[in-house]
Amino acid sequence: MKILLLGPPGGGKGTQAKYLINRLNIPQISTGDMLREHVNNKTDLGLKAKEYMSAGALVPDEVILGMMKGRLVDKDCNNGYILDGFPRTIPQAEGLDLLLEELDQKIDLIIVIKVKDDNIVERMGGRRVHPSSGRIYHIKYNPPKNEGKDDQTGEELIIRDDDQENTVRKRLEIYHKETSPLIEYYKSRSRVCHIDGEQSIDQVSQSIDKILS
């Protein structure tokens, strides 16, 4: 089964992708992983991508799609795959459609995880990180024993730039403007299922299970 996960940043897509990997024994296709692999292996596409990355520019869609063309025909994708993080925009979705047509593939299922903006801000804005170890806490869901201090070292915890409220709201704005329209785009092309992402992690997984069954 070929699945596309859609939802806001911090909405739990990564967690549910891990659940799907185990449940269906199919890989998650990550553009970040593909880019790193191509850059490290110094492939033609990797060298091209590195030029843009070194200049602080976005890697063009055609380069990503070129990488994806090779990835989607790897043996581990024979039974399907999970796309999370691509496509993010209508032009990317159109490019992906052309690629899938060329490969004689299609997306079977779109899973949309819905979470209100304010809850995303609370989830991400409440994260606290111990910089040297990477340990993550949450002031509401997983608080440290002593406020603002790492449990093991007692050192100060920080809020990452990505978790600052202004940054989160900007990312949500981009999501609503560029990625949300994909839900409408895919309605006529694939089965689209909406899930309440404000449930517990296990309940979200169970909701996905019902869809797959």
Protein backbone atom coordinates (compact mmCIF):
# COMPACT_ATOMS: atom_id res chain seq x y z
CA MET A 1 0.00 0.00 0.00
CA LYS A 2 1.27 3.46 -0.95
CA ILE A 3 0.35 6.02 1.69
CA LEU A 4 0.73 9.79 1.89
CA LEU A 5 0.64 11.36 5.37
CA LEU A 6 -0.58 14.95 5.59
CA GLY A 7 -0.91 17.16 8.64
CA PRO A 8 0.55 20.23 10.33
CA PRO A 9 4.11 20.37 11.67
CA GLY A 10 4.10 18.86 15.16
CA GLY A 11 0.85 17.03 14.41
CA GLY A 12 2.28 13.55 15.01
CA LYS A 13 2.96 12.40 11.44
CA GLY A 14 6.45 11.12 12.30
CA THR A 15 5.14 9.05 15.23
CA GLN A 16 2.38 7.50 13.12
CA ALA A 17 4.79 6.87 10.23
CA LYS A 18 6.85 4.69 12.62
CA TYR A 19 3.67 2.83 13.58
CA LEU A 20 2.83 2.24 9.88
CA ILE A 21 6.36 1.02 9.12
CA ASN A 22 5.95 -1.73 11.75
CA ARG A 23 2.30 -2.42 10.96
CA LEU A 24 2.73 -2.81 7.18
CA ASN A 25 6.46 -3.56 6.91
CA ILE A 26 6.97 -0.81 4.31
CA PRO A 27 9.56 2.00 4.33
CA GLN A 28 9.06 5.68 5.04
CA ILE A 29 10.41 7.79 2.18
CA SER A 30 12.08 10.87 3.63
CA THR A 31 13.36 13.61 1.31
CA GLY A 32 15.91 14.54 4.00
CA ASP A 33 17.34 10.99 4.06
CA MET A 34 17.42 10.86 0.24
CA LEU A 35 19.24 14.17 0.02
CA ARG A 36 21.83 13.13 2.62
CA GLU A 37 22.43 9.80 0.88
CA HIS A 38 22.90 11.39 -2.55
CA VAL A 39 25.14 14.17 -1.19
CA ASN A 40 27.27 11.67 0.79
CA ASN A 41 27.58 9.33 -2.21
CA LYS A 42 28.38 12.28 -4.50
CA THR A 43 25.87 11.19 -7.15
CA ASP A 44 25.10 13.61 -10.00
CA LEU A 45 21.84 14.58 -8.29
CA GLY A 46 23.63 14.86 -4.95
CA LEU A 47 26.25 17.23 -6.37
CA LYS A 48 23.50 19.32 -7.98
CA ALA A 49 21.56 19.43 -4.69
CA LYS A 50 24.69 20.43 -2.76
CA GLU A 51 25.17 23.48 -4.99
CA TYR A 52 21.75 24.78 -3.96
CA MET A 53 22.17 23.80 -0.30
CA SER A 54 25.59 25.48 -0.09
CA ALA A 55 24.04 28.66 -1.48
CA GLY A 56 21.30 28.49 1.15
CA ALA A 57 18.66 27.89 -1.54
CA LEU A 58 15.89 25.30 -1.67
CA VAL A 59 16.68 22.19 -3.70
CA PRO A 60 14.41 22.38 -6.81
CA ASP A 61 11.49 19.97 -7.12
CA GLU A 62 12.93 18.33 -10.25
CA VAL A 63 16.08 17.30 -8.32
CA ILE A 64 14.00 15.80 -5.48
CA LEU A 65 11.75 14.03 -8.00
CA GLY A 66 14.86 12.69 -9.77
CA MET A 67 16.00 11.15 -6.47
CA MET A 68 12.53 9.84 -5.80
CA LYS A 69 12.39 8.16 -9.20
CA GLY A 70 15.21 5.85 -8.15
CA ARG A 71 13.98 5.40 -4.57
CA LEU A 72 10.42 4.33 -5.39
CA VAL A 73 11.59 1.35 -7.45
CA ASP A 74 13.94 -0.01 -4.76
CA LYS A 75 13.12 -3.57 -3.64
CA ASP A 76 11.93 -2.48 -0.18
CA CYS A 77 9.16 -0.45 -1.88
CA ASN A 78 7.68 -3.48 -3.65
CA ASN A 79 4.80 -3.71 -1.15
CA GLY A 80 4.37 0.04 -0.82
CA TYR A 81 5.80 2.99 1.09
CA ILE A 82 4.89 5.96 3.25
CA LEU A 83 5.43 9.51 1.99
CA ASP A 84 5.75 12.13 4.71
CA GLY A 85 7.03 15.63 3.95
CA PHE A 86 6.68 15.40 0.17
CA PRO A 87 4.72 16.67 -1.66
CA ARG A 88 4.19 19.90 0.28
CA THR A 89 2.74 22.00 -2.55
CA ILE A 90 0.40 21.54 -5.54
CA PRO A 91 3.28 21.85 -8.11
CA GLN A 92 5.19 19.12 -6.21
CA ALA A 93 2.05 16.94 -6.21
CA GLU A 94 1.64 17.44 -9.95
CA GLY A 95 5.30 16.51 -10.49
CA LEU A 96 4.85 13.42 -8.30
CA ASP A 97 1.72 12.41 -10.27
CA LEU A 98 3.71 12.48 -13.52
CA LEU A 99 6.50 10.43 -11.95
CA LEU A 100 4.08 7.85 -10.53
CA GLU A 101 2.36 7.59 -13.92
CA GLU A 102 5.74 6.94 -15.52
CA LEU A 103 6.46 4.22 -12.90
CA ASP A 104 2.93 2.79 -13.24
CA GLN A 105 2.24 3.48 -9.54
CA LYS A 106 -0.38 5.49 -7.64
CA ILE A 107 -1.00 6.69 -4.10
CA ASP A 108 -3.64 4.39 -2.55
CA LEU A 109 -4.45 6.30 0.61
CA ILE A 110 -4.08 9.83 1.98
CA ILE A 111 -4.18 10.02 5.79
CA VAL A 112 -4.82 13.56 7.05
CA ILE A 113 -4.00 14.07 10.74
CA LYS A 114 -5.95 17.10 11.99
CA VAL A 115 -4.82 19.15 15.00
CA LYS A 116 -5.89 22.70 15.91
CA ASP A 117 -3.20 25.39 15.60
CA ASP A 118 -3.34 26.38 19.28
CA ASN A 119 -2.76 22.77 20.32
CA ILE A 120 0.24 22.52 17.97
CA VAL A 121 1.67 25.69 19.52
CA GLU A 122 1.12 24.20 23.01
CA ARG A 123 2.73 20.88 21.99
CA MET A 124 5.79 22.43 20.34
CA GLY A 125 6.10 25.51 22.54
CA GLY A 126 6.11 23.31 25.65
CA ARG A 127 9.16 21.32 24.56
CA ARG A 128 12.36 21.79 26.52
CA VAL A 129 15.69 20.34 25.40
CA HIS A 130 18.93 19.46 27.13
CA PRO A 131 21.40 20.69 24.46
CA SER A 132 24.36 18.36 25.08
CA SER A 133 22.38 15.08 25.32
CA GLY A 134 19.36 15.88 23.14
CA ARG A 135 16.98 14.75 25.92
CA ILE A 136 13.52 16.22 25.32
CA TYR A 137 10.97 17.18 27.96
CA HIS A 138 7.57 18.82 27.82
CA ILE A 139 6.33 21.19 30.51
CA LYS A 140 2.85 19.55 30.43
CA TYR A 141 3.25 16.00 29.07
CA ASN A 142 6.73 15.02 30.26
CA PRO A 143 8.00 17.64 32.75
CA PRO A 144 11.48 17.48 34.27
CA LYS A 145 11.68 16.74 38.01
CA ASN A 146 12.91 20.28 38.62
CA GLU A 147 11.47 23.05 36.45
CA GLY A 148 13.83 24.08 33.65
CA LYS A 149 16.55 21.57 34.68
CA ASP A 150 17.73 18.31 33.11
CA ASP A 151 16.89 15.28 35.30
CA GLN A 152 20.35 13.70 34.98
CA THR A 153 22.75 16.65 35.06
CA GLY A 154 20.70 19.47 36.59
CA GLU A 155 21.82 21.69 33.68
CA GLU A 156 19.55 24.33 32.15
CA LEU A 157 17.03 23.24 29.50
CA ILE A 158 16.43 25.41 26.45
CA ILE A 159 13.60 26.11 23.98
CA ARG A 160 14.81 25.42 20.44
CA ASP A 161 14.27 28.20 17.87
CA ASP A 162 11.98 25.84 15.93
CA ASP A 163 9.73 25.53 19.00
CA GLN A 164 9.35 29.26 19.68
CA GLU A 165 5.69 30.32 19.30
CA ASN A 166 6.39 32.84 16.50
CA THR A 167 8.32 30.24 14.50
CA VAL A 168 5.63 27.58 15.01
CA ARG A 169 2.87 29.97 13.93
CA LYS A 170 4.84 30.94 10.80
CA ARG A 171 5.28 27.25 9.91
CA LEU A 172 1.55 26.68 10.44
CA GLU A 173 0.77 29.67 8.21
CA ILE A 174 2.90 28.14 5.43
CA TYR A 175 1.22 24.76 5.98
CA HIS A 176 -2.29 26.23 5.62
CA LYS A 177 -1.30 28.26 2.57
CA GLU A 178 0.78 25.68 0.67
CA THR A 179 0.08 22.17 2.00
CA SER A 180 -3.59 22.18 3.07
CA PRO A 181 -4.76 22.63 -0.58
CA LEU A 182 -3.31 19.15 -1.26
CA ILE A 183 -6.26 17.63 0.63
CA GLU A 184 -8.67 19.01 -1.97
CA TYR A 185 -6.27 18.15 -4.80
CA TYR A 186 -6.15 14.48 -3.84
CA LYS A 187 -9.90 14.04 -3.20
CA SER A 188 -10.59 13.10 -6.82
CA ARG A 189 -7.41 11.01 -7.14
CA SER A 190 -7.16 8.83 -4.03
CA ARG A 191 -8.99 7.74 -0.90
CA VAL A 192 -8.65 10.57 1.64
CA CYS A 193 -9.26 9.80 5.35
CA HIS A 194 -9.26 12.37 8.16
CA ILE A 195 -8.12 11.49 11.67
CA ASP A 196 -8.45 13.46 14.90
CA GLY A 197 -4.81 14.00 15.86
CA GLU A 198 -5.80 15.44 19.24
CA GLN A 199 -6.45 11.96 20.62
CA SER A 200 -3.70 10.05 22.43
CA ILE A 201 -0.94 8.52 20.26
CA ASP A 202 -2.43 5.03 20.74
CA GLN A 203 -5.92 6.23 19.80
CA VAL A 204 -4.59 7.85 16.62
CA SER A 205 -2.84 4.56 15.75
CA GLN A 206 -6.10 2.67 16.41
CA SER A 207 -7.98 5.09 14.11
CA ILE A 208 -5.41 4.39 11.39
CA ASP A 209 -5.81 0.66 12.04
CA LYS A 210 -9.58 0.92 11.40
CA ILE A 211 -8.92 2.66 8.08
CA LEU A 212 -6.43 -0.01 7.01
CA SER A 213 -8.83 -2.78 8.00
